[in-house]
Amino acid sequence: MAIRLTPGAACAGLALLVAVTSPMPAYAGDEGVEDDSKRCINARSIRGTEVINDNYIVFEIQGRRLYLNALPKSCTGLSKNRRFSWEISTRSLCARDKIRVLREGGNTVFEGRSCSLGRFRPVTFEELMEFTQGAKRAPEPQEVEAADVEDVVTN
């Protein structure tokens, strides 16, 4: 499943979030930021997921609520394959639970690398778009002052 990040839309496809390298939005633990992250979400309420890159996954849950999950460690291959699975023993998907990267080989899907999830931070559509598009914008050109040139004479 994938999330289409458009206002008012829920699950569908998404090509917008490809190789995001921008810094994470303010998160609990950052100075002056209240911790509103959740350790767990109800797995049955998950309506879609979108891999942003090897470090971030967006979960859409019932009611069009979005949660950004920052993986504790980079999960190599996640952004390339863009698919993953999880196995849980309760009704909740929690921080520290493992996901497995899914990769295709011919007509077969293989389980690949195992990675841990982080906490689930609720984000608005606008926050998520700012986060994902921040890396796509070209840096603003900056004026650079000309350096003073001195004549140097050596004897």
N, C-alpha and C. Protein backbone atom coordinates (compact mmCIF):
# COMPACT_ATOMS: atom_id res chain seq x y z
N MET A 1 0.84 -1.17 0.00
CA MET A 1 0.00 0.00 0.00
C MET A 1 0.88 1.23 0.00
N ALA A 2 0.39 2.29 -0.59
CA ALA A 2 1.14 3.55 -0.62
C ALA A 2 0.19 4.68 -0.26
N ILE A 3 0.75 5.76 0.16
CA ILE A 3 -0.04 6.92 0.55
C ILE A 3 0.13 7.99 -0.51
N ARG A 4 -0.97 8.56 -0.96
CA ARG A 4 -0.88 9.70 -1.86
C ARG A 4 -0.98 10.93 -0.97
N LEU A 5 0.08 11.71 -0.93
CA LEU A 5 0.11 12.85 -0.03
C LEU A 5 -0.49 14.08 -0.70
N THR A 6 -1.80 14.07 -0.83
CA THR A 6 -2.53 15.21 -1.34
C THR A 6 -3.63 15.50 -0.34
N PRO A 7 -3.95 16.78 -0.11
CA PRO A 7 -4.99 17.06 0.89
C PRO A 7 -6.29 16.36 0.52
N GLY A 8 -6.89 15.71 1.47
CA GLY A 8 -8.18 15.07 1.27
C GLY A 8 -8.10 13.69 0.64
N ALA A 9 -6.93 13.26 0.19
CA ALA A 9 -6.81 11.93 -0.41
C ALA A 9 -6.24 10.97 0.60
N ALA A 10 -6.53 9.71 0.42
CA ALA A 10 -5.98 8.72 1.34
C ALA A 10 -4.96 7.88 0.61
N CYS A 11 -5.16 6.59 0.47
CA CYS A 11 -4.16 5.70 -0.10
C CYS A 11 -4.27 5.63 -1.61
N ALA A 12 -3.13 5.58 -2.25
CA ALA A 12 -2.99 5.36 -3.70
C ALA A 12 -1.51 5.28 -3.97
N GLY A 13 -1.03 5.77 -5.10
CA GLY A 13 0.39 5.73 -5.42
C GLY A 13 1.08 7.02 -5.04
N LEU A 14 2.42 7.00 -5.05
CA LEU A 14 3.15 8.22 -4.74
C LEU A 14 4.54 8.15 -5.33
N ALA A 15 4.87 9.08 -6.19
CA ALA A 15 6.21 9.14 -6.76
C ALA A 15 6.95 10.35 -6.23
N LEU A 16 6.28 11.17 -5.45
CA LEU A 16 6.87 12.42 -4.96
C LEU A 16 7.98 12.19 -3.96
N LEU A 17 7.85 11.21 -3.10
CA LEU A 17 8.81 11.01 -2.03
C LEU A 17 9.87 10.00 -2.46
N VAL A 18 10.93 10.48 -3.05
CA VAL A 18 11.91 9.55 -3.55
C VAL A 18 13.13 9.54 -2.66
N ALA A 19 14.07 10.39 -2.88
CA ALA A 19 15.33 10.35 -2.13
C ALA A 19 15.43 11.57 -1.26
N VAL A 20 14.74 11.58 -0.16
CA VAL A 20 14.72 12.73 0.71
C VAL A 20 15.91 12.67 1.66
N THR A 21 16.62 13.74 1.73
CA THR A 21 17.76 13.80 2.63
C THR A 21 17.67 15.00 3.55
N SER A 22 16.54 15.69 3.54
CA SER A 22 16.42 16.87 4.39
C SER A 22 16.34 16.45 5.84
N PRO A 23 16.67 17.36 6.74
CA PRO A 23 16.59 17.00 8.15
C PRO A 23 15.15 16.75 8.57
N MET A 24 15.02 15.93 9.58
CA MET A 24 13.71 15.60 10.12
C MET A 24 13.06 16.84 10.71
N PRO A 25 11.73 16.96 10.63
CA PRO A 25 11.05 18.05 11.30
C PRO A 25 11.30 17.98 12.80
N ALA A 26 11.04 19.07 13.48
CA ALA A 26 11.27 19.10 14.92
C ALA A 26 10.68 17.85 15.56
N TYR A 27 11.43 17.22 16.43
CA TYR A 27 11.04 15.96 17.02
C TYR A 27 11.23 16.04 18.52
N ALA A 28 10.53 15.22 19.23
CA ALA A 28 10.70 15.17 20.67
C ALA A 28 12.17 15.00 20.99
N GLY A 29 12.63 15.70 21.96
CA GLY A 29 14.04 15.66 22.30
C GLY A 29 14.75 16.90 21.78
N ASP A 30 14.19 17.51 20.70
CA ASP A 30 14.74 18.77 20.23
C ASP A 30 14.36 19.83 21.25
N GLU A 31 15.20 20.81 21.39
CA GLU A 31 14.96 21.86 22.37
C GLU A 31 13.62 22.56 22.11
N GLY A 32 12.79 22.65 23.12
CA GLY A 32 11.51 23.35 23.03
C GLY A 32 10.41 22.58 22.32
N VAL A 33 10.62 21.32 21.99
CA VAL A 33 9.60 20.54 21.29
C VAL A 33 9.00 19.52 22.26
N GLU A 34 7.68 19.58 22.39
CA GLU A 34 6.97 18.64 23.27
C GLU A 34 6.92 17.26 22.61
N ASP A 35 7.06 16.24 23.42
CA ASP A 35 7.03 14.87 22.89
C ASP A 35 5.58 14.43 22.68
N ASP A 36 5.16 14.45 21.41
CA ASP A 36 3.82 13.98 21.09
C ASP A 36 3.87 12.67 20.30
N SER A 37 5.05 12.05 20.29
CA SER A 37 5.20 10.80 19.55
C SER A 37 4.56 9.65 20.33
N LYS A 38 4.26 8.59 19.61
CA LYS A 38 3.65 7.40 20.21
C LYS A 38 4.63 6.25 20.08
N ARG A 39 4.63 5.42 21.08
CA ARG A 39 5.47 4.23 21.02
C ARG A 39 4.85 3.19 20.10
N CYS A 40 3.50 3.12 20.08
CA CYS A 40 2.80 2.10 19.29
C CYS A 40 1.61 2.71 18.56
N ILE A 41 1.23 2.07 17.46
CA ILE A 41 -0.02 2.37 16.78
C ILE A 41 -0.76 1.05 16.55
N ASN A 42 -2.08 1.14 16.45
CA ASN A 42 -2.89 -0.04 16.23
C ASN A 42 -2.65 -0.54 14.81
N ALA A 43 -2.13 -1.73 14.66
CA ALA A 43 -1.78 -2.28 13.35
C ALA A 43 -3.00 -2.44 12.45
N ARG A 44 -4.15 -2.71 13.04
CA ARG A 44 -5.37 -2.89 12.25
C ARG A 44 -5.87 -1.58 11.65
N SER A 45 -5.43 -0.46 12.21
CA SER A 45 -5.89 0.83 11.69
C SER A 45 -4.98 1.39 10.60
N ILE A 46 -3.90 0.70 10.28
CA ILE A 46 -2.98 1.17 9.24
C ILE A 46 -3.66 1.02 7.88
N ARG A 47 -3.76 2.12 7.16
CA ARG A 47 -4.40 2.12 5.84
C ARG A 47 -3.39 2.16 4.70
N GLY A 48 -2.16 2.57 4.99
CA GLY A 48 -1.14 2.64 3.96
C GLY A 48 0.19 3.06 4.54
N THR A 49 1.24 2.82 3.78
CA THR A 49 2.58 3.22 4.19
C THR A 49 3.29 3.81 2.98
N GLU A 50 4.25 4.65 3.22
CA GLU A 50 5.08 5.19 2.14
C GLU A 50 6.51 5.29 2.64
N VAL A 51 7.42 4.63 1.95
CA VAL A 51 8.83 4.72 2.28
C VAL A 51 9.35 6.03 1.72
N ILE A 52 9.89 6.87 2.58
CA ILE A 52 10.47 8.13 2.11
C ILE A 52 11.90 7.87 1.66
N ASN A 53 12.67 7.23 2.50
CA ASN A 53 14.04 6.83 2.17
C ASN A 53 14.45 5.74 3.14
N ASP A 54 15.73 5.45 3.26
CA ASP A 54 16.19 4.38 4.14
C ASP A 54 16.06 4.73 5.63
N ASN A 55 15.64 5.95 5.93
CA ASN A 55 15.56 6.40 7.33
C ASN A 55 14.15 6.73 7.81
N TYR A 56 13.21 6.95 6.90
CA TYR A 56 11.88 7.42 7.28
C TYR A 56 10.78 6.68 6.54
N ILE A 57 9.71 6.37 7.28
CA ILE A 57 8.50 5.76 6.71
C ILE A 57 7.31 6.56 7.22
N VAL A 58 6.33 6.79 6.35
CA VAL A 58 5.08 7.43 6.74
C VAL A 58 4.01 6.34 6.84
N PHE A 59 3.27 6.37 7.94
CA PHE A 59 2.15 5.45 8.14
C PHE A 59 0.88 6.29 8.13
N GLU A 60 -0.09 5.88 7.31
CA GLU A 60 -1.40 6.52 7.34
C GLU A 60 -2.32 5.57 8.08
N ILE A 61 -3.00 6.09 9.10
CA ILE A 61 -3.93 5.24 9.83
C ILE A 61 -5.34 5.77 9.63
N GLN A 62 -6.29 4.95 10.02
CA GLN A 62 -7.71 5.27 9.88
C GLN A 62 -7.96 6.71 10.30
N GLY A 63 -8.78 7.40 9.54
CA GLY A 63 -9.07 8.79 9.84
C GLY A 63 -8.10 9.74 9.15
N ARG A 64 -7.31 9.22 8.22
CA ARG A 64 -6.34 10.01 7.45
C ARG A 64 -5.30 10.70 8.33
N ARG A 65 -4.98 10.07 9.43
CA ARG A 65 -3.91 10.59 10.28
C ARG A 65 -2.58 10.03 9.80
N LEU A 66 -1.56 10.88 9.81
CA LEU A 66 -0.24 10.50 9.33
C LEU A 66 0.74 10.45 10.48
N TYR A 67 1.60 9.43 10.45
CA TYR A 67 2.65 9.28 11.45
C TYR A 67 3.97 9.09 10.73
N LEU A 68 4.96 9.87 11.10
CA LEU A 68 6.29 9.75 10.54
C LEU A 68 7.13 8.92 11.49
N ASN A 69 7.74 7.88 10.97
CA ASN A 69 8.58 7.01 11.78
C ASN A 69 10.02 7.19 11.35
N ALA A 70 10.85 7.65 12.27
CA ALA A 70 12.30 7.80 12.02
C ALA A 70 12.96 6.54 12.53
N LEU A 71 13.49 5.74 11.63
CA LEU A 71 14.15 4.50 12.04
C LEU A 71 15.41 4.84 12.83
N PRO A 72 15.70 4.09 13.89
CA PRO A 72 16.89 4.38 14.70
C PRO A 72 18.19 4.27 13.91
N LYS A 73 18.22 3.37 12.93
CA LYS A 73 19.39 3.19 12.07
C LYS A 73 18.90 3.11 10.63
N SER A 74 19.73 3.56 9.72
CA SER A 74 19.39 3.48 8.30
C SER A 74 19.13 2.02 7.90
N CYS A 75 18.10 1.82 7.10
CA CYS A 75 17.71 0.48 6.67
C CYS A 75 18.05 0.33 5.19
N THR A 76 19.25 -0.12 4.92
CA THR A 76 19.76 -0.22 3.56
C THR A 76 18.83 -1.06 2.68
N GLY A 77 18.49 -0.53 1.52
CA GLY A 77 17.64 -1.23 0.58
C GLY A 77 16.17 -0.89 0.69
N LEU A 78 15.77 -0.23 1.76
CA LEU A 78 14.36 0.09 1.96
C LEU A 78 13.85 1.03 0.88
N SER A 79 14.60 2.10 0.59
CA SER A 79 14.12 3.06 -0.41
C SER A 79 14.20 2.49 -1.82
N LYS A 80 15.12 1.59 -2.07
CA LYS A 80 15.25 0.98 -3.39
C LYS A 80 14.06 0.06 -3.67
N ASN A 81 13.72 -0.77 -2.70
CA ASN A 81 12.64 -1.75 -2.88
C ASN A 81 11.27 -1.19 -2.54
N ARG A 82 11.19 -0.19 -1.66
CA ARG A 82 9.97 0.53 -1.31
C ARG A 82 8.85 -0.33 -0.72
N ARG A 83 9.18 -1.56 -0.32
CA ARG A 83 8.19 -2.47 0.26
C ARG A 83 8.79 -3.12 1.49
N PHE A 84 7.92 -3.40 2.46
CA PHE A 84 8.38 -4.08 3.67
C PHE A 84 7.22 -4.81 4.30
N SER A 85 7.57 -5.73 5.19
CA SER A 85 6.56 -6.47 5.94
C SER A 85 6.89 -6.36 7.41
N TRP A 86 5.94 -6.74 8.23
CA TRP A 86 6.18 -6.81 9.66
C TRP A 86 5.39 -7.97 10.23
N GLU A 87 5.84 -8.46 11.36
CA GLU A 87 5.16 -9.53 12.06
C GLU A 87 5.03 -9.09 13.50
N ILE A 88 3.81 -9.15 14.03
CA ILE A 88 3.57 -8.72 15.40
C ILE A 88 2.83 -9.80 16.17
N SER A 89 3.00 -9.78 17.47
CA SER A 89 2.31 -10.77 18.30
C SER A 89 1.14 -10.16 19.06
N THR A 90 0.99 -8.83 18.96
CA THR A 90 -0.13 -8.15 19.58
C THR A 90 -0.86 -7.39 18.48
N ARG A 91 -1.80 -6.54 18.84
CA ARG A 91 -2.53 -5.74 17.86
C ARG A 91 -1.79 -4.47 17.48
N SER A 92 -0.67 -4.21 18.13
CA SER A 92 0.03 -2.95 17.92
C SER A 92 1.35 -3.14 17.18
N LEU A 93 1.71 -2.13 16.41
CA LEU A 93 3.02 -2.04 15.79
C LEU A 93 3.76 -0.98 16.60
N CYS A 94 4.91 -1.34 17.13
CA CYS A 94 5.59 -0.48 18.11
C CYS A 94 7.03 -0.17 17.73
N ALA A 95 7.55 0.87 18.36
CA ALA A 95 8.97 1.17 18.25
C ALA A 95 9.73 -0.07 18.70
N ARG A 96 10.81 -0.36 18.05
CA ARG A 96 11.65 -1.53 18.27
C ARG A 96 11.14 -2.79 17.58
N ASP A 97 9.87 -2.79 17.09
CA ASP A 97 9.42 -3.92 16.29
C ASP A 97 10.24 -3.94 15.01
N LYS A 98 10.38 -5.13 14.46
CA LYS A 98 11.19 -5.31 13.25
C LYS A 98 10.32 -5.29 12.00
N ILE A 99 10.86 -4.66 10.96
CA ILE A 99 10.28 -4.75 9.63
C ILE A 99 11.29 -5.51 8.77
N ARG A 100 10.82 -6.08 7.68
CA ARG A 100 11.72 -6.77 6.74
C ARG A 100 11.52 -6.17 5.36
N VAL A 101 12.63 -5.76 4.75
CA VAL A 101 12.59 -5.24 3.39
C VAL A 101 12.18 -6.37 2.46
N LEU A 102 11.25 -6.10 1.55
CA LEU A 102 10.81 -7.09 0.57
C LEU A 102 11.41 -6.72 -0.78
N ARG A 103 12.02 -7.71 -1.42
CA ARG A 103 12.59 -7.46 -2.75
C ARG A 103 12.10 -8.54 -3.70
N GLU A 104 11.98 -8.14 -4.96
CA GLU A 104 11.47 -9.06 -5.97
C GLU A 104 12.60 -9.67 -6.76
N GLY A 105 12.43 -10.93 -7.09
CA GLY A 105 13.36 -11.66 -7.94
C GLY A 105 12.55 -12.50 -8.89
N GLY A 106 12.34 -12.01 -10.11
CA GLY A 106 11.47 -12.72 -11.04
C GLY A 106 10.04 -12.61 -10.58
N ASN A 107 9.41 -13.75 -10.38
CA ASN A 107 8.02 -13.77 -9.91
C ASN A 107 7.92 -14.05 -8.42
N THR A 108 9.03 -13.94 -7.71
CA THR A 108 9.06 -14.27 -6.30
C THR A 108 9.43 -13.06 -5.46
N VAL A 109 8.85 -12.94 -4.29
CA VAL A 109 9.19 -11.88 -3.34
C VAL A 109 10.03 -12.51 -2.24
N PHE A 110 11.20 -11.91 -1.98
CA PHE A 110 12.11 -12.40 -0.95
C PHE A 110 12.14 -11.44 0.22
N GLU A 111 12.27 -11.98 1.41
CA GLU A 111 12.49 -11.14 2.59
C GLU A 111 13.96 -10.80 2.66
N GLY A 112 14.24 -9.53 2.86
CA GLY A 112 15.63 -9.10 2.94
C GLY A 112 15.98 -8.64 4.34
N ARG A 113 16.70 -7.58 4.41
CA ARG A 113 17.23 -7.03 5.65
C ARG A 113 16.12 -6.74 6.67
N SER A 114 16.44 -6.97 7.94
CA SER A 114 15.54 -6.68 9.05
C SER A 114 15.99 -5.37 9.71
N CYS A 115 15.03 -4.49 10.00
CA CYS A 115 15.34 -3.19 10.61
C CYS A 115 14.32 -2.88 11.70
N SER A 116 14.73 -2.12 12.70
CA SER A 116 13.84 -1.73 13.79
C SER A 116 13.12 -0.43 13.48
N LEU A 117 11.89 -0.32 13.97
CA LEU A 117 11.13 0.92 13.85
C LEU A 117 11.47 1.85 15.01
N GLY A 118 11.23 3.13 14.78
CA GLY A 118 11.36 4.13 15.84
C GLY A 118 9.98 4.49 16.36
N ARG A 119 9.89 5.61 17.06
CA ARG A 119 8.61 6.09 17.56
C ARG A 119 7.80 6.70 16.43
N PHE A 120 6.50 6.77 16.61
CA PHE A 120 5.58 7.30 15.61
C PHE A 120 5.21 8.73 15.96
N ARG A 121 5.64 9.66 15.13
CA ARG A 121 5.36 11.08 15.39
C ARG A 121 4.22 11.54 14.50
N PRO A 122 3.12 12.04 15.11
CA PRO A 122 2.03 12.54 14.28
C PRO A 122 2.49 13.78 13.52
N VAL A 123 2.16 13.83 12.23
CA VAL A 123 2.50 14.99 11.41
C VAL A 123 1.28 15.38 10.59
N THR A 124 1.21 16.65 10.26
CA THR A 124 0.15 17.11 9.37
C THR A 124 0.62 16.92 7.94
N PHE A 125 -0.32 16.98 7.04
CA PHE A 125 0.01 16.89 5.62
C PHE A 125 1.02 18.00 5.25
N GLU A 126 0.77 19.21 5.75
CA GLU A 126 1.63 20.35 5.43
C GLU A 126 3.06 20.14 5.96
N GLU A 127 3.18 19.65 7.19
CA GLU A 127 4.51 19.37 7.74
C GLU A 127 5.24 18.32 6.92
N LEU A 128 4.52 17.31 6.50
CA LEU A 128 5.12 16.24 5.72
C LEU A 128 5.57 16.74 4.35
N MET A 129 4.75 17.54 3.70
CA MET A 129 5.11 18.08 2.40
C MET A 129 6.33 19.00 2.51
N GLU A 130 6.37 19.83 3.54
CA GLU A 130 7.52 20.71 3.74
C GLU A 130 8.79 19.88 3.96
N PHE A 131 8.67 18.84 4.74
CA PHE A 131 9.80 17.95 5.03
C PHE A 131 10.30 17.27 3.76
N THR A 132 9.39 16.71 2.97
CA THR A 132 9.78 15.94 1.80
C THR A 132 10.24 16.82 0.65
N GLN A 133 9.65 17.99 0.50
CA GLN A 133 10.03 18.87 -0.60
C GLN A 133 11.24 19.72 -0.28
N GLY A 134 11.58 19.84 0.99
CA GLY A 134 12.74 20.64 1.38
C GLY A 134 14.01 20.18 0.70
N ALA A 135 14.16 18.90 0.51
CA ALA A 135 15.36 18.35 -0.10
C ALA A 135 15.35 18.50 -1.61
N LYS A 136 14.18 18.74 -2.18
CA LYS A 136 14.09 18.83 -3.63
C LYS A 136 14.37 20.24 -4.14
N ARG A 137 14.24 21.25 -3.28
CA ARG A 137 14.48 22.62 -3.72
C ARG A 137 15.97 22.86 -3.89
N ALA A 138 16.29 23.58 -4.96
CA ALA A 138 17.69 23.96 -5.17
C ALA A 138 18.04 25.05 -4.16
N PRO A 139 19.28 25.07 -3.69
CA PRO A 139 19.66 26.11 -2.75
C PRO A 139 19.56 27.48 -3.41
N GLU A 140 19.16 28.47 -2.62
CA GLU A 140 19.08 29.83 -3.12
C GLU A 140 20.47 30.34 -3.46
N PRO A 141 20.63 31.01 -4.61
CA PRO A 141 21.96 31.56 -4.92
C PRO A 141 22.30 32.65 -3.91
N GLN A 142 23.54 32.67 -3.51
CA GLN A 142 23.98 33.66 -2.55
C GLN A 142 25.05 34.54 -3.19
N GLU A 143 24.93 35.82 -2.90
CA GLU A 143 25.94 36.74 -3.42
C GLU A 143 27.21 36.58 -2.61
N VAL A 144 28.32 36.58 -3.30
CA VAL A 144 29.61 36.45 -2.65
C VAL A 144 30.40 37.71 -2.95
N GLU A 145 30.93 38.32 -1.89
CA GLU A 145 31.73 39.52 -2.09
C GLU A 145 33.05 39.15 -2.73
N ALA A 146 33.50 40.04 -3.61
CA ALA A 146 34.79 39.82 -4.26
C ALA A 146 35.89 40.00 -3.23
N ALA A 147 36.91 39.16 -3.34
CA ALA A 147 38.02 39.24 -2.41
C ALA A 147 38.92 40.40 -2.78
N ASP A 148 39.52 41.05 -1.79
CA ASP A 148 40.49 42.09 -2.06
C ASP A 148 41.75 41.46 -2.64
N VAL A 149 42.27 42.10 -3.67
CA VAL A 149 43.45 41.58 -4.35
C VAL A 149 44.62 42.50 -4.03
N GLU A 150 45.70 41.91 -3.60
CA GLU A 150 46.91 42.69 -3.30
C GLU A 150 47.99 42.31 -4.28
N ASP A 151 48.76 43.29 -4.68
CA ASP A 151 49.92 43.01 -5.51
C ASP A 151 51.04 42.56 -4.58
N VAL A 152 51.63 41.46 -4.90
CA VAL A 152 52.73 40.94 -4.08
C VAL A 152 53.99 40.97 -4.93
N VAL A 153 55.02 41.65 -4.44
CA VAL A 153 56.28 41.73 -5.15
C VAL A 153 57.31 40.99 -4.33
N THR A 154 57.97 40.06 -4.94
CA THR A 154 59.03 39.34 -4.24
C THR A 154 60.37 39.67 -4.90
N ASN A 155 61.40 39.84 -4.13
CA ASN A 155 62.75 40.14 -4.63
C ASN A 155 63.62 38.95 -4.54
